[in-house]
């Protein structure tokens, strides 16, 4: 079946660690769009030091994400042809091989995207999952073929979807969330890990999601 998504966004952190996990699947029906997706600019993300640790704050969409203790923060992106950035959070024990494959630890990626098409399609998939959960395999097959499971998630008053990546002995595994938020924006966040760190990283991911706030 043809894929619903026309574009391919490779998660920036996974360009660095292997280019394995993809946030969207190409749509072979169209190579252009009058409203292409746009990542938020570097200045839209703020790092705040608070009494209980560091936070990533995106005021434009009311997002606050707590950085796991002692993790490194890196801005990923560039200013050409326009400023488009995401943030990657690196665990202190992360390491890579010469082939850019994640071998230890975990990485969390945070990106906010203005994208009407994917905003509407994610909302539609949430509605399907809530009303007809038996159709989740159909959604996976059509839109998220690199994932093994999909479900709904609620963060504050916002509904979203959560996904589990297909585990790979060489590339590792991971989890992802997609949350449609105001003004046709979409929050995409994921964690990737080597399989030896799966249990440890999964606990970090659960805590990260629990501390997410969207006003």
Protein backbone atom coordinates (compact mmCIF):
# COMPACT_ATOMS: atom_id res chain seq x y z
CA UNK A 1 0.00 0.00 0.00
CA UNK A 2 1.13 3.55 -0.66
CA UNK A 3 2.29 5.44 2.40
CA UNK A 4 0.32 8.44 3.63
CA UNK A 5 3.31 10.57 4.50
CA UNK A 6 5.01 12.43 1.64
CA UNK A 7 8.19 13.33 3.39
CA UNK A 8 10.99 11.60 5.24
CA UNK A 9 12.44 13.21 8.38
CA UNK A 10 15.40 11.30 9.68
CA UNK A 11 15.70 11.95 13.41
CA UNK A 12 18.80 14.10 13.76
CA UNK A 13 20.15 12.10 16.63
CA UNK A 14 19.88 8.96 14.56
CA UNK A 15 21.79 10.51 11.69
CA UNK A 16 24.59 10.70 14.22
CA UNK A 17 24.10 7.18 15.58
CA UNK A 18 23.23 5.29 12.45
CA UNK A 19 20.32 6.73 10.52
CA UNK A 20 18.06 3.89 11.61
CA UNK A 21 14.81 5.25 13.04
CA UNK A 22 12.59 7.37 10.86
CA UNK A 23 9.83 9.64 12.11
CA UNK A 24 7.85 9.46 8.89
CA UNK A 25 7.55 7.21 5.89
CA UNK A 26 7.79 8.66 2.37
CA UNK A 27 4.61 9.21 0.44
CA UNK A 28 5.25 8.07 -3.12
CA UNK A 29 2.20 9.89 -4.40
CA UNK A 30 3.66 13.38 -3.99
CA UNK A 31 7.10 14.98 -3.98
CA UNK A 32 5.94 18.45 -3.00
CA UNK A 33 3.50 20.23 -0.74
CA UNK A 34 2.22 23.81 -0.54
CA UNK A 35 2.75 23.66 3.24
CA UNK A 36 5.92 21.68 3.93
CA UNK A 37 6.75 20.80 7.55
CA UNK A 38 9.10 23.16 9.38
CA UNK A 39 11.15 22.43 12.49
CA UNK A 40 11.20 25.14 15.14
CA UNK A 41 14.24 27.42 15.23
CA UNK A 42 17.08 27.24 17.71
CA UNK A 43 15.86 30.29 19.62
CA UNK A 44 12.49 28.60 20.22
CA UNK A 45 14.15 26.10 22.58
CA UNK A 46 15.38 27.32 25.95
CA UNK A 47 17.44 25.48 28.58
CA UNK A 48 16.44 26.51 32.09
CA UNK A 49 18.32 25.73 35.30
CA UNK A 50 15.91 25.08 38.19
CA UNK A 51 16.34 23.89 41.74
CA UNK A 52 15.55 20.30 40.74
CA UNK A 53 17.56 20.19 37.52
CA UNK A 54 17.60 21.33 33.89
CA UNK A 55 14.53 21.78 31.71
CA UNK A 56 13.90 22.24 27.99
CA UNK A 57 11.23 24.90 27.51
CA UNK A 58 9.41 25.85 24.31
CA UNK A 59 7.21 28.81 25.21
CA UNK A 60 5.51 28.97 21.79
CA UNK A 61 3.69 25.71 22.49
CA UNK A 62 3.78 25.67 26.30
CA UNK A 63 6.17 22.69 26.44
CA UNK A 64 8.38 21.86 29.42
CA UNK A 65 10.58 18.73 29.47
CA UNK A 66 12.85 17.77 32.36
CA UNK A 67 16.34 16.67 31.33
CA UNK A 68 17.46 13.42 33.01
CA UNK A 69 20.04 14.11 35.69
CA UNK A 70 23.62 14.55 34.41
CA UNK A 71 22.65 14.14 30.76
CA UNK A 72 24.27 16.29 28.06
CA UNK A 73 22.17 18.69 25.95
CA UNK A 74 22.98 19.27 22.28
CA UNK A 75 21.23 21.41 19.69
CA UNK A 76 21.02 19.66 16.33
CA UNK A 77 20.28 21.41 13.04
CA UNK A 78 21.44 24.34 10.96
CA UNK A 79 20.40 27.76 9.66
CA UNK A 80 20.27 26.95 5.94
CA UNK A 81 18.09 27.41 4.00
CA UNK A 82 16.23 28.44 7.18
CA UNK A 83 16.84 27.82 10.89
CA UNK A 84 15.52 24.37 11.84
CA UNK A 85 16.61 22.60 15.02
CA UNK A 86 15.87 19.85 17.48
CA UNK A 87 17.41 18.97 20.84
CA UNK A 88 19.16 15.71 21.70
CA UNK A 89 19.78 14.56 25.28
CA UNK A 90 22.72 12.19 25.71
CA UNK A 91 23.15 9.84 28.67
CA UNK A 92 26.56 10.13 30.32
CA UNK A 93 27.55 6.60 29.25
CA UNK A 94 26.79 7.01 25.56
CA UNK A 95 29.40 5.85 23.03
CA UNK A 96 29.53 5.32 19.27
CA UNK A 97 31.55 3.19 16.91
CA UNK A 98 33.34 4.45 13.84
CA UNK A 99 30.19 3.55 11.89
CA UNK A 100 28.07 5.86 14.05
CA UNK A 101 26.11 3.05 15.65
CA UNK A 102 24.95 3.58 19.24
CA UNK A 103 26.75 0.98 21.36
CA UNK A 104 26.06 2.13 24.94
CA UNK A 105 23.51 4.21 26.77
CA UNK A 106 20.55 6.12 25.36
CA UNK A 107 19.64 9.32 23.55
CA UNK A 108 16.38 11.26 23.78
CA UNK A 109 15.38 13.54 20.90
CA UNK A 110 12.92 16.44 21.21
CA UNK A 111 11.59 18.31 18.19
CA UNK A 112 8.60 20.56 17.57
CA UNK A 113 7.36 20.83 14.01
CA UNK A 114 4.83 23.04 12.28
CA UNK A 115 3.08 20.67 9.89
CA UNK A 116 -0.60 20.82 9.07
CA UNK A 117 -0.66 17.56 7.09
CA UNK A 118 0.98 15.37 9.74
CA UNK A 119 -0.91 17.20 12.50
CA UNK A 120 -4.24 16.24 10.91
CA UNK A 121 -3.16 12.66 10.11
CA UNK A 122 -1.91 12.11 13.66
CA UNK A 123 -5.20 13.45 15.04
CA UNK A 124 -7.08 11.09 12.75
CA UNK A 125 -5.02 8.10 13.87
CA UNK A 126 -5.61 9.00 17.52
CA UNK A 127 -9.36 9.03 16.88
CA UNK A 128 -9.20 5.64 15.16
CA UNK A 129 -7.20 4.12 18.02
CA UNK A 130 -9.59 5.50 20.62
CA UNK A 131 -12.74 4.31 18.82
CA UNK A 132 -11.45 1.19 17.08
CA UNK A 133 -8.30 -0.09 18.85
CA UNK A 134 -8.51 -3.33 16.87
CA UNK A 135 -7.34 -1.34 13.83
CA UNK A 136 -3.91 -0.55 15.28
CA UNK A 137 -2.15 -3.12 13.07
CA UNK A 138 -3.67 -1.48 10.02
CA UNK A 139 -2.31 1.90 11.12
CA UNK A 140 1.13 0.39 11.77
CA UNK A 141 1.16 -1.21 8.33
CA UNK A 142 0.06 1.94 6.55
CA UNK A 143 2.01 4.63 8.38
CA UNK A 144 4.57 3.25 10.84
CA UNK A 145 6.16 0.17 9.32
CA UNK A 146 9.35 0.52 11.40
CA UNK A 147 7.36 0.08 14.61
CA UNK A 148 5.98 -3.00 16.36
CA UNK A 149 3.27 -1.46 18.53
CA UNK A 150 1.14 1.68 18.77
CA UNK A 151 -1.19 3.05 21.42
CA UNK A 152 -2.65 6.33 22.64
CA UNK A 153 -1.14 8.53 25.33
CA UNK A 154 -2.45 11.51 27.29
CA UNK A 155 -0.23 14.38 28.42
CA UNK A 156 -2.15 17.03 30.31
CA UNK A 157 -5.14 17.80 28.06
CA UNK A 158 -3.43 16.63 24.87
CA UNK A 159 -3.94 13.21 23.30
CA UNK A 160 -1.17 11.60 21.26
CA UNK A 161 0.24 8.31 20.07
CA UNK A 162 3.12 6.28 21.43
CA UNK A 163 5.13 3.80 19.42
CA UNK A 164 7.69 1.08 19.99
CA UNK A 165 10.50 0.68 17.46
CA UNK A 166 11.38 -2.69 16.02
CA UNK A 167 14.41 -3.99 17.97
CA UNK A 168 17.56 -4.63 15.99
CA UNK A 169 20.62 -6.52 17.36
CA UNK A 170 22.90 -4.05 15.57
CA UNK A 171 20.89 -0.80 15.66
CA UNK A 172 19.18 -1.21 19.04
CA UNK A 173 15.63 -0.19 19.89
CA UNK A 174 13.55 2.71 21.07
CA UNK A 175 10.22 4.37 21.76
CA UNK A 176 8.52 7.43 20.34
CA UNK A 177 5.61 9.77 20.99
CA UNK A 178 3.72 12.16 18.68
CA UNK A 179 1.54 14.83 20.27
CA UNK A 180 -0.54 17.24 18.16
CA UNK A 181 -0.47 20.59 19.94
CA UNK A 182 -1.85 24.05 19.22
CA UNK A 183 -1.49 25.97 15.95
CA UNK A 184 -0.97 22.83 13.83
CA UNK A 185 2.26 21.99 15.65
CA UNK A 186 3.42 18.47 16.41
CA UNK A 187 5.68 17.41 19.28
CA UNK A 188 7.84 14.42 18.34
CA UNK A 189 10.09 12.87 20.94
CA UNK A 190 11.89 9.54 21.01
CA UNK A 191 14.47 7.53 22.88
CA UNK A 192 16.96 5.20 21.21
CA UNK A 193 19.18 2.70 22.98
CA UNK A 194 21.48 -0.24 22.48
CA UNK A 195 19.70 -3.46 23.47
CA UNK A 196 22.03 -4.04 26.42
CA UNK A 197 20.64 -0.80 27.89
CA UNK A 198 16.99 -1.43 27.03
CA UNK A 199 15.69 -1.90 30.58
CA UNK A 200 17.66 1.01 32.02
CA UNK A 201 16.76 3.38 29.19
CA UNK A 202 13.09 2.37 29.26
CA UNK A 203 12.88 3.44 32.91
CA UNK A 204 14.48 6.80 32.03
CA UNK A 205 11.98 7.23 29.18
CA UNK A 206 9.02 6.52 31.48
CA UNK A 207 10.24 9.17 33.91
CA UNK A 208 10.86 11.63 31.07
CA UNK A 209 7.30 11.19 29.75
CA UNK A 210 5.85 11.50 33.26
CA UNK A 211 7.55 14.89 33.68
CA UNK A 212 6.46 16.30 30.31
CA UNK A 213 4.15 19.31 30.60
CA UNK A 214 2.14 20.94 27.82
CA UNK A 215 0.00 23.97 28.71
